[in-house]
PDB file of N, CA and C in Angstrom:
ATOM      1  N   MET A   1       0.850  -1.166   0.000  1.00  0.00           N
ATOM      2  CA  MET A   1       0.000   0.000   0.000  1.00  0.00           C
ATOM      3  C   MET A   1       0.903   1.239   0.000  1.00  0.00           C
ATOM      4  N   GLU A   2       0.669   2.149  -0.879  1.00  0.00           N
ATOM      5  CA  GLU A   2       1.448   3.385  -0.960  1.00  0.00           C
ATOM      6  C   GLU A   2       0.692   4.512  -0.275  1.00  0.00           C
ATOM      7  N   SER A   3       1.416   5.357   0.433  1.00  0.00           N
ATOM      8  CA  SER A   3       0.782   6.537   0.998  1.00  0.00           C
ATOM      9  C   SER A   3       0.889   7.649  -0.018  1.00  0.00           C
ATOM     10  N   ARG A   4      -0.099   8.496  -0.036  1.00  0.00           N
ATOM     11  CA  ARG A   4      -0.036   9.654  -0.905  1.00  0.00           C
ATOM     12  C   ARG A   4       0.998  10.599  -0.342  1.00  0.00           C
ATOM     13  N   SER A   5       1.798  11.157  -1.208  1.00  0.00           N
ATOM     14  CA  SER A   5       2.812  12.108  -0.776  1.00  0.00           C
ATOM     15  C   SER A   5       2.521  13.463  -1.388  1.00  0.00           C
ATOM     16  N   THR A   6       2.658  14.482  -0.587  1.00  0.00           N
ATOM     17  CA  THR A   6       2.639  15.844  -1.072  1.00  0.00           C
ATOM     18  C   THR A   6       3.957  16.444  -0.645  1.00  0.00           C
ATOM     19  N   TYR A   7       4.243  17.621  -1.120  1.00  0.00           N
ATOM     20  CA  TYR A   7       5.543  18.204  -0.804  1.00  0.00           C
ATOM     21  C   TYR A   7       5.384  19.498  -0.042  1.00  0.00           C
ATOM     22  N   ALA A   8       6.221  19.666   0.954  1.00  0.00           N
ATOM     23  CA  ALA A   8       6.301  20.900   1.732  1.00  0.00           C
ATOM     24  C   ALA A   8       7.735  21.386   1.562  1.00  0.00           C
ATOM     25  N   GLY A   9       7.922  22.315   0.663  1.00  0.00           N
ATOM     26  CA  GLY A   9       9.281  22.742   0.368  1.00  0.00           C
ATOM     27  C   GLY A   9      10.004  21.625  -0.351  1.00  0.00           C
ATOM     28  N   ASP A  10      11.149  21.209   0.171  1.00  0.00           N
ATOM     29  CA  ASP A  10      11.934  20.149  -0.455  1.00  0.00           C
ATOM     30  C   ASP A  10      11.662  18.770   0.138  1.00  0.00           C
ATOM     31  N   GLU A  11      10.754  18.675   1.100  1.00  0.00           N
ATOM     32  CA  GLU A  11      10.569  17.403   1.792  1.00  0.00           C
ATOM     33  C   GLU A  11       9.138  16.906   1.649  1.00  0.00           C
ATOM     34  N   ALA A  12       8.990  15.615   1.391  1.00  0.00           N
ATOM     35  CA  ALA A  12       7.680  15.004   1.211  1.00  0.00           C
ATOM     36  C   ALA A  12       6.973  14.809   2.549  1.00  0.00           C
ATOM     37  N   LEU A  13       5.653  14.907   2.511  1.00  0.00           N
ATOM     38  CA  LEU A  13       4.825  14.514   3.650  1.00  0.00           C
ATOM     39  C   LEU A  13       4.548  13.032   3.515  1.00  0.00           C
ATOM     40  N   THR A  14       4.594  12.323   4.622  1.00  0.00           N
ATOM     41  CA  THR A  14       4.400  10.882   4.581  1.00  0.00           C
ATOM     42  C   THR A  14       3.634  10.424   5.818  1.00  0.00           C
ATOM     43  N   THR A  15       3.093   9.231   5.740  1.00  0.00           N
ATOM     44  CA  THR A  15       2.349   8.643   6.856  1.00  0.00           C
ATOM     45  C   THR A  15       2.894   7.249   7.116  1.00  0.00           C
ATOM     46  N   ARG A  16       3.151   6.949   8.381  1.00  0.00           N
ATOM     47  CA  ARG A  16       3.662   5.642   8.780  1.00  0.00           C
ATOM     48  C   ARG A  16       2.882   5.122   9.987  1.00  0.00           C
ATOM     49  N   ALA A  17       2.718   3.815  10.015  1.00  0.00           N
ATOM     50  CA  ALA A  17       2.131   3.129  11.166  1.00  0.00           C
ATOM     51  C   ALA A  17       3.257   2.464  11.932  1.00  0.00           C
ATOM     52  N   LEU A  18       3.282   2.662  13.248  1.00  0.00           N
ATOM     53  CA  LEU A  18       4.290   2.044  14.107  1.00  0.00           C
ATOM     54  C   LEU A  18       3.620   1.073  15.057  1.00  0.00           C
ATOM     55  N   ARG A  19       4.292  -0.033  15.347  1.00  0.00           N
ATOM     56  CA  ARG A  19       3.892  -0.939  16.421  1.00  0.00           C
ATOM     57  C   ARG A  19       5.141  -1.138  17.256  1.00  0.00           C
ATOM     58  N   ILE A  20       5.072  -0.732  18.526  1.00  0.00           N
ATOM     59  CA  ILE A  20       6.215  -0.789  19.430  1.00  0.00           C
ATOM     60  C   ILE A  20       5.960  -1.890  20.449  1.00  0.00           C
ATOM     61  N   ARG A  21       6.926  -2.800  20.585  1.00  0.00           N
ATOM     62  CA  ARG A  21       6.778  -3.944  21.495  1.00  0.00           C
ATOM     63  C   ARG A  21       7.853  -3.917  22.569  1.00  0.00           C
ATOM     64  N   GLY A  22       7.560  -4.579  23.667  1.00  0.00           N
ATOM     65  CA  GLY A  22       8.463  -4.647  24.806  1.00  0.00           C
ATOM     66  C   GLY A  22       7.711  -4.217  26.049  1.00  0.00           C
ATOM     67  N   HIS A  23       8.439  -3.693  27.020  1.00  0.00           N
ATOM     68  CA  HIS A  23       7.814  -3.140  28.230  1.00  0.00           C
ATOM     69  C   HIS A  23       7.516  -1.674  27.917  1.00  0.00           C
ATOM     70  N   VAL A  24       6.341  -1.435  27.293  1.00  0.00           N
ATOM     71  CA  VAL A  24       6.015  -0.100  26.784  1.00  0.00           C
ATOM     72  C   VAL A  24       4.683   0.441  27.308  1.00  0.00           C
ATOM     73  N   GLN A  25       4.024  -0.317  28.168  1.00  0.00           N
ATOM     74  CA  GLN A  25       2.803   0.180  28.789  1.00  0.00           C
ATOM     75  C   GLN A  25       3.060   0.398  30.272  1.00  0.00           C
ATOM     76  N   GLY A  26       2.439   1.437  30.816  1.00  0.00           N
ATOM     77  CA  GLY A  26       2.614   1.745  32.232  1.00  0.00           C
ATOM     78  C   GLY A  26       3.901   2.491  32.536  1.00  0.00           C
ATOM     79  N   VAL A  27       4.556   3.026  31.497  1.00  0.00           N
ATOM     80  CA  VAL A  27       5.822   3.743  31.689  1.00  0.00           C
ATOM     81  C   VAL A  27       5.771   5.151  31.073  1.00  0.00           C
ATOM     82  N   GLY A  28       4.583   5.614  30.697  1.00  0.00           N
ATOM     83  CA  GLY A  28       4.443   6.938  30.097  1.00  0.00           C
ATOM     84  C   GLY A  28       4.815   6.992  28.628  1.00  0.00           C
ATOM     85  N   PHE A  29       4.799   5.845  27.955  1.00  0.00           N
ATOM     86  CA  PHE A  29       5.218   5.804  26.558  1.00  0.00           C
ATOM     87  C   PHE A  29       4.302   6.649  25.674  1.00  0.00           C
ATOM     88  N   ARG A  30       2.989   6.469  25.806  1.00  0.00           N
ATOM     89  CA  ARG A  30       2.056   7.225  24.945  1.00  0.00           C
ATOM     90  C   ARG A  30       2.204   8.718  25.163  1.00  0.00           C
ATOM     91  N   TRP A  31       2.228   9.148  26.422  1.00  0.00           N
ATOM     92  CA  TRP A  31       2.352  10.580  26.721  1.00  0.00           C
ATOM     93  C   TRP A  31       3.649  11.125  26.132  1.00  0.00           C
ATOM     94  N   SER A  32       4.753  10.407  26.348  1.00  0.00           N
ATOM     95  CA  SER A  32       6.049  10.854  25.848  1.00  0.00           C
ATOM     96  C   SER A  32       6.082  10.892  24.328  1.00  0.00           C
ATOM     97  N   LEU A  33       5.480   9.890  23.674  1.00  0.00           N
ATOM     98  CA  LEU A  33       5.440   9.877  22.215  1.00  0.00           C
ATOM     99  C   LEU A  33       4.643  11.076  21.702  1.00  0.00           C
ATOM    100  N   CYS A  34       3.527  11.387  22.359  1.00  0.00           N
ATOM    101  CA  CYS A  34       2.739  12.576  21.974  1.00  0.00           C
ATOM    102  C   CYS A  34       3.583  13.840  22.080  1.00  0.00           C
ATOM    103  N   GLU A  35       4.296  13.986  23.168  1.00  0.00           N
ATOM    104  CA  GLU A  35       5.128  15.179  23.358  1.00  0.00           C
ATOM    105  C   GLU A  35       6.203  15.277  22.282  1.00  0.00           C
ATOM    106  N   GLN A  36       6.850  14.163  21.973  1.00  0.00           N
ATOM    107  CA  GLN A  36       7.873  14.144  20.931  1.00  0.00           C
ATOM    108  C   GLN A  36       7.259  14.494  19.574  1.00  0.00           C
ATOM    109  N   ALA A  37       6.106  13.892  19.270  1.00  0.00           N
ATOM    110  CA  ALA A  37       5.437  14.138  17.987  1.00  0.00           C
ATOM    111  C   ALA A  37       5.041  15.611  17.844  1.00  0.00           C
ATOM    112  N   ARG A  38       4.494  16.171  18.902  1.00  0.00           N
ATOM    113  CA  ARG A  38       4.093  17.588  18.846  1.00  0.00           C
ATOM    114  C   ARG A  38       5.305  18.486  18.665  1.00  0.00           C
ATOM    115  N   ALA A  39       6.405  18.175  19.351  1.00  0.00           N
ATOM    116  CA  ALA A  39       7.628  18.970  19.218  1.00  0.00           C
ATOM    117  C   ALA A  39       8.175  18.908  17.793  1.00  0.00           C
ATOM    118  N   LEU A  40       7.940  17.799  17.105  1.00  0.00           N
ATOM    119  CA  LEU A  40       8.405  17.630  15.729  1.00  0.00           C
ATOM    120  C   LEU A  40       7.401  18.132  14.696  1.00  0.00           C
ATOM    121  N   GLY A  41       6.252  18.623  15.158  1.00  0.00           N
ATOM    122  CA  GLY A  41       5.232  19.149  14.246  1.00  0.00           C
ATOM    123  C   GLY A  41       4.455  18.079  13.505  1.00  0.00           C
ATOM    124  N   LEU A  42       4.344  16.890  14.112  1.00  0.00           N
ATOM    125  CA  LEU A  42       3.642  15.784  13.471  1.00  0.00           C
ATOM    126  C   LEU A  42       2.176  15.720  13.892  1.00  0.00           C
ATOM    127  N   ALA A  43       1.382  15.082  13.069  1.00  0.00           N
ATOM    128  CA  ALA A  43      -0.024  14.828  13.372  1.00  0.00           C
ATOM    129  C   ALA A  43      -0.208  13.323  13.484  1.00  0.00           C
ATOM    130  N   GLY A  44      -1.288  12.914  14.155  1.00  0.00           N
ATOM    131  CA  GLY A  44      -1.605  11.497  14.245  1.00  0.00           C
ATOM    132  C   GLY A  44      -2.148  11.110  15.596  1.00  0.00           C
ATOM    133  N   TRP A  45      -1.921   9.865  15.971  1.00  0.00           N
ATOM    134  CA  TRP A  45      -2.443   9.348  17.227  1.00  0.00           C
ATOM    135  C   TRP A  45      -1.573   8.201  17.736  1.00  0.00           C
ATOM    136  N   VAL A  46      -1.769   7.873  19.009  1.00  0.00           N
ATOM    137  CA  VAL A  46      -1.087   6.757  19.649  1.00  0.00           C
ATOM    138  C   VAL A  46      -2.075   6.095  20.605  1.00  0.00           C
ATOM    139  N   ARG A  47      -1.962   4.760  20.735  1.00  0.00           N
ATOM    140  CA  ARG A  47      -2.824   4.030  21.673  1.00  0.00           C
ATOM    141  C   ARG A  47      -2.151   2.741  22.115  1.00  0.00           C
ATOM    142  N   ASN A  48      -2.556   2.273  23.300  1.00  0.00           N
ATOM    143  CA  ASN A  48      -2.136   0.961  23.778  1.00  0.00           C
ATOM    144  C   ASN A  48      -2.942  -0.098  23.047  1.00  0.00           C
ATOM    145  N   ARG A  49      -2.334  -1.261  22.890  1.00  0.00           N
ATOM    146  CA  ARG A  49      -3.027  -2.425  22.338  1.00  0.00           C
ATOM    147  C   ARG A  49      -3.192  -3.448  23.456  1.00  0.00           C
ATOM    148  N   ARG A  50      -4.237  -4.227  23.376  1.00  0.00           N
ATOM    149  CA  ARG A  50      -4.499  -5.231  24.420  1.00  0.00           C
ATOM    150  C   ARG A  50      -3.394  -6.283  24.519  1.00  0.00           C
ATOM    151  N   ASP A  51      -2.586  -6.434  23.452  1.00  0.00           N
ATOM    152  CA  ASP A  51      -1.500  -7.416  23.491  1.00  0.00           C
ATOM    153  C   ASP A  51      -0.253  -6.887  24.202  1.00  0.00           C
ATOM    154  N   GLY A  52      -0.320  -5.666  24.760  1.00  0.00           N
ATOM    155  CA  GLY A  52       0.800  -5.092  25.493  1.00  0.00           C
ATOM    156  C   GLY A  52       1.692  -4.177  24.664  1.00  0.00           C
ATOM    157  N   SER A  53       1.414  -4.059  23.366  1.00  0.00           N
ATOM    158  CA  SER A  53       2.199  -3.180  22.507  1.00  0.00           C
ATOM    159  C   SER A  53       1.574  -1.780  22.473  1.00  0.00           C
ATOM    160  N   VAL A  54       2.269  -0.864  21.822  1.00  0.00           N
ATOM    161  CA  VAL A  54       1.775   0.485  21.577  1.00  0.00           C
ATOM    162  C   VAL A  54       1.736   0.669  20.070  1.00  0.00           C
ATOM    163  N   GLU A  55       0.657   1.273  19.576  1.00  0.00           N
ATOM    164  CA  GLU A  55       0.455   1.499  18.152  1.00  0.00           C
ATOM    165  C   GLU A  55       0.342   3.000  17.906  1.00  0.00           C
ATOM    166  N   ALA A  56       0.925   3.464  16.805  1.00  0.00           N
ATOM    167  CA  ALA A  56       0.842   4.882  16.477  1.00  0.00           C
ATOM    168  C   ALA A  56       0.695   5.064  14.975  1.00  0.00           C
ATOM    169  N   LEU A  57      -0.019   6.105  14.584  1.00  0.00           N
ATOM    170  CA  LEU A  57      -0.098   6.555  13.202  1.00  0.00           C
ATOM    171  C   LEU A  57       0.493   7.951  13.190  1.00  0.00           C
ATOM    172  N   ILE A  58       1.545   8.161  12.397  1.00  0.00           N
ATOM    173  CA  ILE A  58       2.224   9.448  12.391  1.00  0.00           C
ATOM    174  C   ILE A  58       2.274  10.001  10.977  1.00  0.00           C
ATOM    175  N   HIS A  59       2.014  11.304  10.868  1.00  0.00           N
ATOM    176  CA  HIS A  59       1.951  11.974   9.569  1.00  0.00           C
ATOM    177  C   HIS A  59       2.685  13.301   9.651  1.00  0.00           C
ATOM    178  N   GLY A  60       3.510  13.548   8.659  1.00  0.00           N
ATOM    179  CA  GLY A  60       4.221  14.819   8.600  1.00  0.00           C
ATOM    180  C   GLY A  60       5.395  14.738   7.656  1.00  0.00           C
ATOM    181  N   LEU A  61       6.316  15.680   7.809  1.00  0.00           N
ATOM    182  CA  LEU A  61       7.507  15.692   6.973  1.00  0.00           C
ATOM    183  C   LEU A  61       8.311  14.420   7.204  1.00  0.00           C
ATOM    184  N   ALA A  62       8.817  13.853   6.132  1.00  0.00           N
ATOM    185  CA  ALA A  62       9.499  12.556   6.204  1.00  0.00           C
ATOM    186  C   ALA A  62      10.617  12.536   7.242  1.00  0.00           C
ATOM    187  N   GLY A  63      11.414  13.571   7.325  1.00  0.00           N
ATOM    188  CA  GLY A  63      12.511  13.611   8.293  1.00  0.00           C
ATOM    189  C   GLY A  63      12.018  13.586   9.725  1.00  0.00           C
ATOM    190  N   ALA A  64      10.920  14.288   9.991  1.00  0.00           N
ATOM    191  CA  ALA A  64      10.344  14.309  11.338  1.00  0.00           C
ATOM    192  C   ALA A  64       9.723  12.958  11.677  1.00  0.00           C
ATOM    193  N   VAL A  65       9.075  12.333  10.700  1.00  0.00           N
ATOM    194  CA  VAL A  65       8.500  10.996  10.921  1.00  0.00           C
ATOM    195  C   VAL A  65       9.607  10.012  11.278  1.00  0.00           C
ATOM    196  N   MET A  66      10.716  10.059  10.561  1.00  0.00           N
ATOM    197  CA  MET A  66      11.835   9.157  10.846  1.00  0.00           C
ATOM    198  C   MET A  66      12.461   9.468  12.209  1.00  0.00           C
ATOM    199  N   ALA A  67      12.521  10.744  12.581  1.00  0.00           N
ATOM    200  CA  ALA A  67      13.067  11.107  13.895  1.00  0.00           C
ATOM    201  C   ALA A  67      12.203  10.515  15.010  1.00  0.00           C
ATOM    202  N   LEU A  68      10.878  10.552  14.854  1.00  0.00           N
ATOM    203  CA  LEU A  68      10.002   9.967  15.872  1.00  0.00           C
ATOM    204  C   LEU A  68      10.149   8.448  15.894  1.00  0.00           C
ATOM    205  N   ALA A  69      10.276   7.827  14.737  1.00  0.00           N
ATOM    206  CA  ALA A  69      10.481   6.375  14.684  1.00  0.00           C
ATOM    207  C   ALA A  69      11.792   6.004  15.383  1.00  0.00           C
ATOM    208  N   ASP A  70      12.830   6.800  15.190  1.00  0.00           N
ATOM    209  CA  ASP A  70      14.101   6.554  15.891  1.00  0.00           C
ATOM    210  C   ASP A  70      13.915   6.684  17.398  1.00  0.00           C
ATOM    211  N   TRP A  71      13.191   7.720  17.841  1.00  0.00           N
ATOM    212  CA  TRP A  71      12.922   7.902  19.268  1.00  0.00           C
ATOM    213  C   TRP A  71      12.163   6.690  19.826  1.00  0.00           C
ATOM    214  N   ALA A  72      11.223   6.149  19.039  1.00  0.00           N
ATOM    215  CA  ALA A  72      10.407   5.018  19.504  1.00  0.00           C
ATOM    216  C   ALA A  72      11.256   3.787  19.823  1.00  0.00           C
ATOM    217  N   HIS A  73      12.424   3.670  19.225  1.00  0.00           N
ATOM    218  CA  HIS A  73      13.315   2.547  19.540  1.00  0.00           C
ATOM    219  C   HIS A  73      13.878   2.639  20.959  1.00  0.00           C
ATOM    220  N   ARG A  74      13.882   3.842  21.518  1.00  0.00           N
ATOM    221  CA  ARG A  74      14.361   4.052  22.898  1.00  0.00           C
ATOM    222  C   ARG A  74      13.192   4.235  23.855  1.00  0.00           C
ATOM    223  N   GLY A  75      12.290   5.146  23.501  1.00  0.00           N
ATOM    224  CA  GLY A  75      11.163   5.454  24.360  1.00  0.00           C
ATOM    225  C   GLY A  75      11.588   6.253  25.572  1.00  0.00           C
ATOM    226  N   PRO A  76      10.660   6.466  26.507  1.00  0.00           N
ATOM    227  CA  PRO A  76      10.957   7.233  27.720  1.00  0.00           C
ATOM    228  C   PRO A  76      11.728   6.384  28.724  1.00  0.00           C
ATOM    229  N   PRO A  77      12.266   7.034  29.761  1.00  0.00           N
ATOM    230  CA  PRO A  77      12.912   6.252  30.825  1.00  0.00           C
ATOM    231  C   PRO A  77      11.910   5.236  31.384  1.00  0.00           C
ATOM    232  N   GLY A  78      12.360   4.054  31.652  1.00  0.00           N
ATOM    233  CA  GLY A  78      11.483   3.008  32.177  1.00  0.00           C
ATOM    234  C   GLY A  78      10.984   2.053  31.103  1.00  0.00           C
ATOM    235  N   ALA A  79      10.995   2.481  29.857  1.00  0.00           N
ATOM    236  CA  ALA A  79      10.565   1.600  28.764  1.00  0.00           C
ATOM    237  C   ALA A  79      11.723   0.684  28.373  1.00  0.00           C
ATOM    238  N   ARG A  80      11.382  -0.518  27.949  1.00  0.00           N
ATOM    239  CA  ARG A  80      12.361  -1.442  27.382  1.00  0.00           C
ATOM    240  C   ARG A  80      11.792  -1.907  26.040  1.00  0.00           C
ATOM    241  N   VAL A  81      12.192  -1.233  24.994  1.00  0.00           N
ATOM    242  CA  VAL A  81      11.687  -1.523  23.651  1.00  0.00           C
ATOM    243  C   VAL A  81      12.449  -2.712  23.082  1.00  0.00           C
ATOM    244  N   THR A  82      11.705  -3.724  22.614  1.00  0.00           N
ATOM    245  CA  THR A  82      12.334  -4.899  22.009  1.00  0.00           C
ATOM    246  C   THR A  82      12.173  -4.913  20.490  1.00  0.00           C
ATOM    247  N   ALA A  83      11.161  -4.215  19.962  1.00  0.00           N
ATOM    248  CA  ALA A  83      10.952  -4.200  18.515  1.00  0.00           C
ATOM    249  C   ALA A  83      10.091  -3.003  18.128  1.00  0.00           C
ATOM    250  N   VAL A  84      10.381  -2.438  16.969  1.00  0.00           N
ATOM    251  CA  VAL A  84       9.548  -1.396  16.376  1.00  0.00           C
ATOM    252  C   VAL A  84       9.295  -1.803  14.934  1.00  0.00           C
ATOM    253  N   GLU A  85       8.037  -2.018  14.601  1.00  0.00           N
ATOM    254  CA  GLU A  85       7.638  -2.319  13.230  1.00  0.00           C
ATOM    255  C   GLU A  85       7.106  -1.038  12.613  1.00  0.00           C
ATOM    256  N   MET A  86       7.508  -0.747  11.378  1.00  0.00           N
ATOM    257  CA  MET A  86       7.036   0.460  10.701  1.00  0.00           C
ATOM    258  C   MET A  86       6.564   0.087   9.309  1.00  0.00           C
ATOM    259  N   ASP A  87       5.355   0.524   8.984  1.00  0.00           N
ATOM    260  CA  ASP A  87       4.768   0.271   7.673  1.00  0.00           C
ATOM    261  C   ASP A  87       4.252   1.562   7.077  1.00  0.00           C
ATOM    262  N   VAL A  88       4.240   1.622   5.751  1.00  0.00           N
ATOM    263  CA  VAL A  88       3.599   2.728   5.050  1.00  0.00           C
ATOM    264  C   VAL A  88       2.109   2.655   5.361  1.00  0.00           C
ATOM    265  N   ALA A  89       1.480   3.795   5.577  1.00  0.00           N
ATOM    266  CA  ALA A  89       0.060   3.817   5.936  1.00  0.00           C
ATOM    267  C   ALA A  89      -0.665   4.915   5.173  1.00  0.00           C
ATOM    268  N   GLU A  90      -1.962   4.835   5.195  1.00  0.00           N
ATOM    269  CA  GLU A  90      -2.844   5.855   4.636  1.00  0.00           C
ATOM    270  C   GLU A  90      -3.575   6.541   5.789  1.00  0.00           C
ATOM    271  N   THR A  91      -3.806   7.828   5.651  1.00  0.00           N
ATOM    272  CA  THR A  91      -4.650   8.512   6.631  1.00  0.00           C
ATOM    273  C   THR A  91      -6.096   8.330   6.215  1.00  0.00           C
ATOM    274  N   GLU A  92      -6.994   8.343   7.177  1.00  0.00           N
ATOM    275  CA  GLU A  92      -8.416   8.184   6.891  1.00  0.00           C
ATOM    276  C   GLU A  92      -9.096   9.538   6.814  1.00  0.00           C
ATOM    277  N   GLY A  93      -8.371  10.547   6.477  1.00  0.00           N
ATOM    278  CA  GLY A  93      -8.874  11.909   6.418  1.00  0.00           C
ATOM    279  C   GLY A  93      -7.821  12.828   7.004  1.00  0.00           C
ATOM    280  N   PRO A  94      -8.116  14.104   7.041  1.00  0.00           N
ATOM    281  CA  PRO A  94      -7.122  15.043   7.561  1.00  0.00           C
ATOM    282  C   PRO A  94      -6.853  14.802   9.043  1.00  0.00           C
ATOM    283  N   LEU A  95      -5.594  14.894   9.410  1.00  0.00           N
ATOM    284  CA  LEU A  95      -5.190  14.767  10.801  1.00  0.00           C
ATOM    285  C   LEU A  95      -4.817  16.141  11.325  1.00  0.00           C
ATOM    286  N   ALA A  96      -5.280  16.456  12.501  1.00  0.00           N
ATOM    287  CA  ALA A  96      -4.941  17.738  13.136  1.00  0.00           C
ATOM    288  C   ALA A  96      -4.412  17.449  14.520  1.00  0.00           C
ATOM    289  N   GLY A  97      -3.174  17.805  14.776  1.00  0.00           N
ATOM    290  CA  GLY A  97      -2.605  17.588  16.093  1.00  0.00           C
ATOM    291  C   GLY A  97      -2.242  16.136  16.316  1.00  0.00           C
ATOM    292  N   PHE A  98      -1.851  15.837  17.540  1.00  0.00           N
ATOM    293  CA  PHE A  98      -1.465  14.480  17.909  1.00  0.00           C
ATOM    294  C   PHE A  98      -2.194  14.124  19.190  1.00  0.00           C
ATOM    295  N   GLU A  99      -2.870  12.983  19.212  1.00  0.00           N
ATOM    296  CA  GLU A  99      -3.696  12.638  20.370  1.00  0.00           C
ATOM    297  C   GLU A  99      -3.513  11.201  20.816  1.00  0.00           C
ATOM    298  N   GLN A 100      -3.885  10.956  22.066  1.00  0.00           N
ATOM    299  CA  GLN A 100      -3.924   9.600  22.614  1.00  0.00           C
ATOM    300  C   GLN A 100      -5.331   9.060  22.434  1.00  0.00           C
ATOM    301  N   LEU A 101      -5.437   7.850  21.911  1.00  0.00           N
ATOM    302  CA  LEU A 101      -6.723   7.197  21.730  1.00  0.00           C
ATOM    303  C   LEU A 101      -6.901   6.114  22.783  1.00  0.00           C
ATOM    304  N   PRO A 102      -8.141   5.676  22.986  1.00  0.00           N
ATOM    305  CA  PRO A 102      -8.388   4.573  23.933  1.00  0.00           C
ATOM    306  C   PRO A 102      -7.715   3.296  23.455  1.00  0.00           C
ATOM    307  N   THR A 103      -7.496   2.383  24.374  1.00  0.00           N
ATOM    308  CA  THR A 103      -6.907   1.070  24.069  1.00  0.00           C
ATOM    309  C   THR A 103      -7.747   0.352  23.046  1.00  0.00           C
ATOM    310  N   ALA A 104      -7.060  -0.307  22.113  1.00  0.00           N
ATOM    311  CA  ALA A 104      -7.767  -1.080  21.076  1.00  0.00           C
ATOM    312  C   ALA A 104      -7.481  -2.556  21.234  1.00  0.00           C
TER     313      ALA A 104
END
């Protein structure tokens, strides 16, 4: 599946889906990811999954999306990330801001 790309200056806008595994719930991972995403000017959402992972949809400039994906490999203090899966994704409409969603 290809994401639609538009351009902002010299850099493409892109959308990626992340699944972060390890000890990532109960350590402030979602809150910290939101703060990082907002600081990078990204839009999207993050939520816990019932299987113990964290899932995120991130949209913005490609460099900022990659910076957040790199951060997700470390996470906040207390997290122990064992794997980060990243896939190309589509947005289901315009995204404004970055928010935490209920557990799925």
